[in-house]
Amino acid sequence: MPRPCNTCRHPELTAINAELARGTPRLTVARQFGLPETSVRRHFHLHLPDYLLFENEDERRKAARELREILWTTTARLRKQADHARDKHRGRAWLRTVRVLYPLLDIQARALGRKE
């Protein structure tokens, strides 16, 4: 059974989360609250509630739109690159491109709610 997160068990967890959400460097937060930097880093990536990362709902929606735009732009470029490699009979280049493209298409499908 994995060990509980040191940061999650800290008595000042709310203050730690607020500092991290504000953008305070993780090393500074670790020193301020007497925690190992690795613990704060893991907490930031794995346990920090998503709603703390955005000031309001509009910011969250804007970030989601930007992320979707980046995803769709990237998949479109990769599709074009794969088509070009296929047309030029460059099998290895096509295979390398498709290996990157398929996971992105899966993420895109999940974002659109088309795949579980």
C-alpha atoms as a PDB file:
ATOM      1  CA  MET A   1       0.000   0.000   0.000  1.00  0.00           C
ATOM      2  CA  PRO A   2       1.465   3.384  -0.972  1.00  0.00           C
ATOM      3  CA  ARG A   3       2.517   5.865   1.652  1.00  0.00           C
ATOM      4  CA  PRO A   4       0.159   8.800   2.276  1.00  0.00           C
ATOM      5  CA  CYS A   5       1.247  12.146   0.833  1.00  0.00           C
ATOM      6  CA  ASN A   6       3.245  14.191   3.379  1.00  0.00           C
ATOM      7  CA  THR A   7       1.838  17.397   1.945  1.00  0.00           C
ATOM      8  CA  CYS A   8      -1.771  16.167   2.108  1.00  0.00           C
ATOM      9  CA  ARG A   9      -1.279  15.283   5.781  1.00  0.00           C
ATOM     10  CA  HIS A  10       0.237  18.688   6.648  1.00  0.00           C
ATOM     11  CA  PRO A  11      -1.891  20.739   9.095  1.00  0.00           C
ATOM     12  CA  GLU A  12      -1.673  23.788   6.809  1.00  0.00           C
ATOM     13  CA  LEU A  13      -2.777  21.995   3.637  1.00  0.00           C
ATOM     14  CA  THR A  14      -5.208  24.746   2.633  1.00  0.00           C
ATOM     15  CA  ALA A  15      -2.479  27.391   2.792  1.00  0.00           C
ATOM     16  CA  ILE A  16      -0.088  25.164   0.839  1.00  0.00           C
ATOM     17  CA  ASN A  17      -2.668  24.589  -1.902  1.00  0.00           C
ATOM     18  CA  ALA A  18      -3.390  28.322  -2.047  1.00  0.00           C
ATOM     19  CA  GLU A  19       0.308  29.135  -2.472  1.00  0.00           C
ATOM     20  CA  LEU A  20       0.728  26.526  -5.192  1.00  0.00           C
ATOM     21  CA  ALA A  21      -2.391  27.739  -7.009  1.00  0.00           C
ATOM     22  CA  ARG A  22      -1.068  31.310  -6.830  1.00  0.00           C
ATOM     23  CA  GLY A  23       2.028  30.172  -8.700  1.00  0.00           C
ATOM     24  CA  THR A  24       4.507  30.308  -5.833  1.00  0.00           C
ATOM     25  CA  PRO A  25       7.535  28.163  -6.719  1.00  0.00           C
ATOM     26  CA  ARG A  26       7.334  24.692  -5.229  1.00  0.00           C
ATOM     27  CA  LEU A  27      10.760  24.984  -3.594  1.00  0.00           C
ATOM     28  CA  THR A  28       9.645  28.182  -1.837  1.00  0.00           C
ATOM     29  CA  VAL A  29       6.455  26.480  -0.610  1.00  0.00           C
ATOM     30  CA  ALA A  30       8.450  23.483   0.598  1.00  0.00           C
ATOM     31  CA  ARG A  31      10.827  25.663   2.588  1.00  0.00           C
ATOM     32  CA  GLN A  32       8.028  27.847   3.934  1.00  0.00           C
ATOM     33  CA  PHE A  33       6.095  24.860   5.331  1.00  0.00           C
ATOM     34  CA  GLY A  34       9.040  22.625   6.220  1.00  0.00           C
ATOM     35  CA  LEU A  35       8.352  19.933   3.623  1.00  0.00           C
ATOM     36  CA  PRO A  36      10.611  18.112   1.169  1.00  0.00           C
ATOM     37  CA  GLU A  37      10.513  19.708  -2.280  1.00  0.00           C
ATOM     38  CA  THR A  38       9.849  16.333  -3.892  1.00  0.00           C
ATOM     39  CA  SER A  39       6.754  15.879  -1.737  1.00  0.00           C
ATOM     40  CA  VAL A  40       5.409  19.310  -2.706  1.00  0.00           C
ATOM     41  CA  ARG A  41       6.172  18.647  -6.379  1.00  0.00           C
ATOM     42  CA  ARG A  42       4.339  15.303  -6.302  1.00  0.00           C
ATOM     43  CA  HIS A  43       1.425  16.896  -4.446  1.00  0.00           C
ATOM     44  CA  PHE A  44       1.227  19.672  -7.054  1.00  0.00           C
ATOM     45  CA  HIS A  45       1.128  17.216  -9.966  1.00  0.00           C
ATOM     46  CA  LEU A  46      -1.042  14.506  -8.412  1.00  0.00           C
ATOM     47  CA  HIS A  47      -3.186  15.898  -5.609  1.00  0.00           C
ATOM     48  CA  LEU A  48      -3.762  19.615  -6.128  1.00  0.00           C
ATOM     49  CA  PRO A  49      -7.492  20.093  -6.824  1.00  0.00           C
ATOM     50  CA  ASP A  50      -8.086  21.265 -10.387  1.00  0.00           C
ATOM     51  CA  TYR A  51     -10.486  24.004  -9.353  1.00  0.00           C
ATOM     52  CA  LEU A  52      -7.630  25.784  -7.563  1.00  0.00           C
ATOM     53  CA  LEU A  53      -5.677  26.234 -10.763  1.00  0.00           C
ATOM     54  CA  PHE A  54      -8.137  28.766 -12.208  1.00  0.00           C
ATOM     55  CA  GLU A  55      -9.497  31.920 -10.655  1.00  0.00           C
ATOM     56  CA  ASN A  56     -12.936  31.489 -12.179  1.00  0.00           C
ATOM     57  CA  GLU A  57     -14.973  29.343 -14.546  1.00  0.00           C
ATOM     58  CA  ASP A  58     -14.194  31.586 -17.542  1.00  0.00           C
ATOM     59  CA  GLU A  59     -10.447  31.012 -17.089  1.00  0.00           C
ATOM     60  CA  ARG A  60     -11.007  27.242 -16.890  1.00  0.00           C
ATOM     61  CA  ARG A  61     -13.070  27.270 -20.085  1.00  0.00           C
ATOM     62  CA  LYS A  62     -10.506  29.440 -21.865  1.00  0.00           C
ATOM     63  CA  ALA A  63      -7.683  27.061 -20.861  1.00  0.00           C
ATOM     64  CA  ALA A  64      -9.731  24.069 -22.053  1.00  0.00           C
ATOM     65  CA  ARG A  65     -10.407  25.765 -25.409  1.00  0.00           C
ATOM     66  CA  GLU A  66      -6.712  26.575 -25.839  1.00  0.00           C
ATOM     67  CA  LEU A  67      -5.747  23.003 -25.018  1.00  0.00           C
ATOM     68  CA  ARG A  68      -8.270  21.605 -27.517  1.00  0.00           C
ATOM     69  CA  GLU A  69      -6.987  24.016 -30.174  1.00  0.00           C
ATOM     70  CA  ILE A  70      -3.400  22.880 -29.609  1.00  0.00           C
ATOM     71  CA  LEU A  71      -4.478  19.239 -29.741  1.00  0.00           C
ATOM     72  CA  TRP A  72      -6.415  19.664 -32.996  1.00  0.00           C
ATOM     73  CA  THR A  73      -3.648  21.714 -34.622  1.00  0.00           C
ATOM     74  CA  THR A  74      -1.055  19.113 -33.678  1.00  0.00           C
ATOM     75  CA  THR A  75      -3.137  16.185 -34.932  1.00  0.00           C
ATOM     76  CA  ALA A  76      -3.846  18.012 -38.201  1.00  0.00           C
ATOM     77  CA  ARG A  77      -0.119  18.588 -38.753  1.00  0.00           C
ATOM     78  CA  LEU A  78       0.692  14.984 -37.956  1.00  0.00           C
ATOM     79  CA  ARG A  79      -2.013  13.727 -40.314  1.00  0.00           C
ATOM     80  CA  LYS A  80      -0.587  15.881 -43.084  1.00  0.00           C
ATOM     81  CA  GLN A  81       2.903  14.596 -42.325  1.00  0.00           C
ATOM     82  CA  ALA A  82       1.700  10.963 -42.324  1.00  0.00           C
ATOM     83  CA  ASP A  83      -0.122  11.460 -45.636  1.00  0.00           C
ATOM     84  CA  HIS A  84       3.002  12.997 -47.174  1.00  0.00           C
ATOM     85  CA  ALA A  85       5.181  10.105 -45.960  1.00  0.00           C
ATOM     86  CA  ARG A  86       2.668   7.566 -47.304  1.00  0.00           C
ATOM     87  CA  ASP A  87       2.483   9.307 -50.690  1.00  0.00           C
ATOM     88  CA  LYS A  88       6.286   9.338 -50.972  1.00  0.00           C
ATOM     89  CA  HIS A  89       6.469   5.643 -49.981  1.00  0.00           C
ATOM     90  CA  ARG A  90       8.526   6.432 -46.883  1.00  0.00           C
ATOM     91  CA  GLY A  91       7.286   3.642 -44.641  1.00  0.00           C
ATOM     92  CA  ARG A  92       9.546   4.278 -41.663  1.00  0.00           C
ATOM     93  CA  ALA A  93       8.673   7.978 -41.566  1.00  0.00           C
ATOM     94  CA  TRP A  94       4.987   7.105 -41.848  1.00  0.00           C
ATOM     95  CA  LEU A  95       5.247   4.578 -39.026  1.00  0.00           C
ATOM     96  CA  ARG A  96       7.034   7.053 -36.711  1.00  0.00           C
ATOM     97  CA  THR A  97       4.370   9.670 -37.391  1.00  0.00           C
ATOM     98  CA  VAL A  98       1.471   7.285 -36.861  1.00  0.00           C
ATOM     99  CA  ARG A  99       2.951   6.096 -33.555  1.00  0.00           C
ATOM    100  CA  VAL A 100       2.694   9.675 -32.291  1.00  0.00           C
ATOM    101  CA  LEU A 101      -0.610  10.406 -33.990  1.00  0.00           C
ATOM    102  CA  TYR A 102      -2.749   7.540 -32.657  1.00  0.00           C
ATOM    103  CA  PRO A 103      -2.452   8.421 -28.942  1.00  0.00           C
ATOM    104  CA  LEU A 104      -3.346  12.033 -29.781  1.00  0.00           C
ATOM    105  CA  LEU A 105      -6.399  10.889 -31.719  1.00  0.00           C
ATOM    106  CA  ASP A 106      -7.437   8.817 -28.716  1.00  0.00           C
ATOM    107  CA  ILE A 107      -7.142  11.879 -26.468  1.00  0.00           C
ATOM    108  CA  GLN A 108      -9.107  13.922 -28.987  1.00  0.00           C
ATOM    109  CA  ALA A 109     -11.869  11.296 -29.081  1.00  0.00           C
ATOM    110  CA  ARG A 110     -12.076  11.305 -25.292  1.00  0.00           C
ATOM    111  CA  ALA A 111     -12.259  15.107 -25.263  1.00  0.00           C
ATOM    112  CA  LEU A 112     -15.194  14.939 -27.661  1.00  0.00           C
ATOM    113  CA  GLY A 113     -16.828  12.247 -25.540  1.00  0.00           C
ATOM    114  CA  ARG A 114     -16.738   9.655 -28.294  1.00  0.00           C
ATOM    115  CA  LYS A 115     -14.732   7.015 -26.479  1.00  0.00           C
ATOM    116  CA  GLU A 116     -14.719   5.613 -22.955  1.00  0.00           C
END
